[in-house]
Amino acid sequence: MSLVIRRNDVAVTLVAVGLFFAWLGLAQYENVRMHRELHGLADRLLDEWFATENPPVNRDDFDYLAIVDSERAFKLFGRAWGVVHLYIRNKDDKNMETFKGIEYFYQRMGDQWVLLDSAGCSAKEHHIRAFDEFLAKGMDVNERVIDAALGFEFDYEHMLAHLEGRDNEHHHDHAH
């Protein structure tokens, strides 16, 4: 038995592979375009947040950022979804005491993003991601805040006292 490859078979295969890669390229282009659209929505959401605070607040008094996630249900096809994460804190609040996170959940319907829900963001993994982004943009975040978000909470003062010997009653003071 021999394998015979006809010119027609090669042409059909090349057309099929070409159509597949064209579809793949178009799907990727659509995903990038939709992600860009969500970034535009994030900018508008930030504008609204600063304008609708009562009374309106000065943006320069805050550190803020937006992180956008978007994808399709099956990577390259299916219904698209997106989440806009907004993170805001008072200017230079490296201890993150005024830190707020808000998430907006979107679904693509036709050629529009439709807001499905919004909620405060309290997921530690999202906070860590926000802290990393704050650091990447040159805004300080206290290491203790990051440690606490990672679950490494311990008493720094006690540790320092231990290292300096102040927590041991029987420690001999050689300073006299």
Protein backbone atom coordinates (compact mmCIF):
# COMPACT_ATOMS: atom_id res chain seq x y z
CA MET A 1 0.00 0.00 0.00
CA SER A 2 1.41 3.34 -0.98
CA LEU A 3 0.46 6.80 0.05
CA VAL A 4 -0.47 9.09 -2.77
CA ILE A 5 -0.56 12.83 -2.16
CA ARG A 6 -2.34 14.71 -4.87
CA ARG A 7 -1.99 18.38 -5.67
CA ASN A 8 -5.67 18.83 -4.74
CA ASP A 9 -5.04 17.36 -1.25
CA VAL A 10 -2.20 19.80 -0.63
CA ALA A 11 -4.33 22.75 -1.75
CA VAL A 12 -7.27 21.77 0.50
CA THR A 13 -4.93 21.24 3.46
CA LEU A 14 -3.22 24.60 2.92
CA VAL A 15 -6.58 26.38 2.71
CA ALA A 16 -7.83 24.65 5.89
CA VAL A 17 -4.63 25.48 7.80
CA GLY A 18 -4.71 29.05 6.48
CA LEU A 19 -8.34 29.49 7.59
CA PHE A 20 -7.50 28.06 11.01
CA PHE A 21 -4.62 30.50 11.52
CA ALA A 22 -6.73 33.39 10.23
CA TRP A 23 -9.42 32.50 12.78
CA LEU A 24 -6.77 32.19 15.49
CA GLY A 25 -5.33 35.61 14.62
CA LEU A 26 -8.76 37.23 14.54
CA ALA A 27 -9.72 35.70 17.89
CA GLN A 28 -6.49 36.94 19.46
CA TYR A 29 -7.01 40.42 17.97
CA GLU A 30 -10.57 40.50 19.40
CA ASN A 31 -9.31 39.51 22.86
CA VAL A 32 -6.68 42.27 22.82
CA ARG A 33 -9.24 44.83 21.58
CA MET A 34 -11.75 43.88 24.28
CA HIS A 35 -9.04 44.07 26.95
CA ARG A 36 -8.19 47.59 25.74
CA GLU A 37 -11.87 48.56 25.94
CA LEU A 38 -11.94 47.42 29.57
CA HIS A 39 -8.93 49.64 30.31
CA GLY A 40 -10.99 52.54 28.96
CA LEU A 41 -13.85 51.53 31.26
CA ALA A 42 -11.40 51.39 34.17
CA ASP A 43 -10.33 54.99 33.49
CA ARG A 44 -13.98 56.10 33.46
CA LEU A 45 -14.69 54.20 36.69
CA LEU A 46 -11.78 55.95 38.39
CA ASP A 47 -13.03 59.32 37.10
CA GLU A 48 -16.49 58.55 38.48
CA TRP A 49 -15.12 57.46 41.85
CA PHE A 50 -13.24 60.70 42.33
CA ALA A 51 -16.13 62.83 41.03
CA THR A 52 -18.93 61.17 43.02
CA GLU A 53 -17.28 61.11 46.44
CA ASN A 54 -19.20 63.45 48.68
CA PRO A 55 -17.67 66.01 48.56
CA PRO A 56 -15.60 65.36 45.39
CA VAL A 57 -11.98 64.66 46.22
CA ASN A 58 -8.72 65.76 44.66
CA ARG A 59 -7.03 62.92 42.75
CA ASP A 60 -3.62 64.22 43.77
CA ASP A 61 -4.37 63.26 47.38
CA PHE A 62 -4.54 59.57 46.45
CA ASP A 63 -2.47 56.73 45.07
CA TYR A 64 -4.61 54.58 42.79
CA LEU A 65 -4.44 51.98 40.08
CA ALA A 66 -6.62 49.73 37.97
CA ILE A 67 -5.94 46.12 37.09
CA VAL A 68 -7.96 44.58 34.27
CA ASP A 69 -8.59 40.90 33.63
CA SER A 70 -10.50 39.65 30.61
CA GLU A 71 -10.84 36.44 28.70
CA ARG A 72 -13.26 34.32 26.79
CA ALA A 73 -15.03 31.32 28.25
CA PHE A 74 -12.88 28.97 26.13
CA LYS A 75 -9.73 31.07 25.60
CA LEU A 76 -10.33 31.94 21.94
CA PHE A 77 -14.09 31.58 21.62
CA GLY A 78 -17.18 31.71 23.77
CA ARG A 79 -18.67 34.56 25.77
CA ALA A 80 -16.17 37.14 26.97
CA TRP A 81 -15.97 38.27 30.57
CA GLY A 82 -13.95 40.94 32.31
CA VAL A 83 -13.16 42.23 35.77
CA VAL A 84 -11.91 45.72 36.54
CA HIS A 85 -10.15 45.96 39.90
CA LEU A 86 -9.73 49.49 41.29
CA TYR A 87 -7.41 50.08 44.23
CA ILE A 88 -7.23 53.40 46.04
CA ARG A 89 -5.41 54.66 49.11
CA ASN A 90 -4.50 58.03 50.60
CA LYS A 91 -1.29 59.45 49.15
CA ASP A 92 1.84 57.73 50.49
CA ASP A 93 -0.11 55.49 52.92
CA LYS A 94 2.51 52.74 52.85
CA ASN A 95 0.82 50.97 55.78
CA MET A 96 -2.30 50.64 53.58
CA GLU A 97 -4.61 51.78 56.39
CA THR A 98 -6.83 53.64 53.89
CA PHE A 99 -6.58 50.98 51.17
CA LYS A 100 -9.84 50.19 49.32
CA GLY A 101 -10.47 47.67 46.59
CA ILE A 102 -13.52 47.60 44.33
CA GLU A 103 -14.23 45.05 41.61
CA TYR A 104 -16.57 45.49 38.65
CA PHE A 105 -17.70 42.34 36.86
CA TYR A 106 -18.54 42.61 33.15
CA GLN A 107 -19.81 40.31 30.45
CA ARG A 108 -19.56 40.94 26.73
CA MET A 109 -22.97 41.13 25.07
CA GLY A 110 -22.84 41.93 21.37
CA ASP A 111 -20.21 44.66 21.01
CA GLN A 112 -20.65 46.09 24.50
CA TRP A 113 -19.43 45.38 27.97
CA VAL A 114 -22.37 45.05 30.34
CA LEU A 115 -21.85 45.57 34.07
CA LEU A 116 -23.18 42.54 35.94
CA ASP A 117 -22.11 43.34 39.48
CA SER A 118 -19.67 45.22 41.65
CA ALA A 119 -18.32 44.48 45.09
CA GLY A 120 -15.64 45.44 47.54
CA CYS A 121 -12.50 43.41 47.08
CA SER A 122 -11.27 41.56 50.13
CA ALA A 123 -9.49 38.58 48.56
CA LYS A 124 -5.94 38.46 49.91
CA GLU A 125 -4.52 37.23 46.60
CA HIS A 126 -6.00 40.31 44.91
CA HIS A 127 -4.52 42.57 47.58
CA ILE A 128 -1.09 41.01 47.08
CA ARG A 129 -1.42 41.59 43.34
CA ALA A 130 -2.38 45.22 44.02
CA PHE A 131 0.56 45.66 46.41
CA ASP A 132 2.91 44.31 43.73
CA GLU A 133 1.45 46.75 41.21
CA PHE A 134 1.78 49.67 43.66
CA LEU A 135 5.45 48.72 44.14
CA ALA A 136 5.97 48.38 40.36
CA LYS A 137 4.63 51.91 39.91
CA GLY A 138 7.04 53.27 42.52
CA MET A 139 4.56 53.61 45.39
CA ASP A 140 5.75 52.24 48.73
CA VAL A 141 4.00 49.40 50.54
CA ASN A 142 5.22 48.42 53.99
CA GLU A 143 6.72 44.91 54.01
CA ARG A 144 4.70 44.07 57.11
CA VAL A 145 1.48 44.70 55.19
CA ILE A 146 2.60 42.30 52.47
CA ASP A 147 3.67 39.73 55.07
CA ALA A 148 0.26 39.97 56.77
CA ALA A 149 -1.50 39.48 53.42
CA LEU A 150 0.65 36.42 52.78
CA GLY A 151 -0.26 35.06 56.22
CA PHE A 152 3.12 35.70 57.82
CA GLU A 153 1.90 37.64 60.79
CA PHE A 154 4.16 37.89 63.77
CA ASP A 155 5.05 40.46 66.38
CA TYR A 156 7.94 42.49 64.97
CA GLU A 157 8.39 44.41 68.23
CA HIS A 158 8.75 41.16 70.19
CA MET A 159 11.21 39.84 67.61
CA LEU A 160 13.32 43.03 67.83
CA ALA A 161 13.21 42.93 71.62
CA HIS A 162 14.35 39.30 71.52
CA LEU A 163 17.21 40.11 69.16
CA GLU A 164 18.30 42.96 71.43
CA GLY A 165 17.94 40.81 74.55
CA ARG A 166 15.22 42.99 76.12
CA ASP A 167 12.71 40.15 76.45
CA ASN A 168 14.85 37.93 78.67
CA GLU A 169 14.65 38.72 82.37
CA HIS A 170 17.75 36.65 83.06
CA HIS A 171 19.80 38.35 80.41
CA HIS A 172 22.86 39.91 81.99
CA ASP A 173 23.46 43.54 81.26
CA HIS A 174 27.17 43.93 80.64
CA ALA A 175 26.90 47.68 80.33
CA HIS A 176 27.67 48.32 84.04
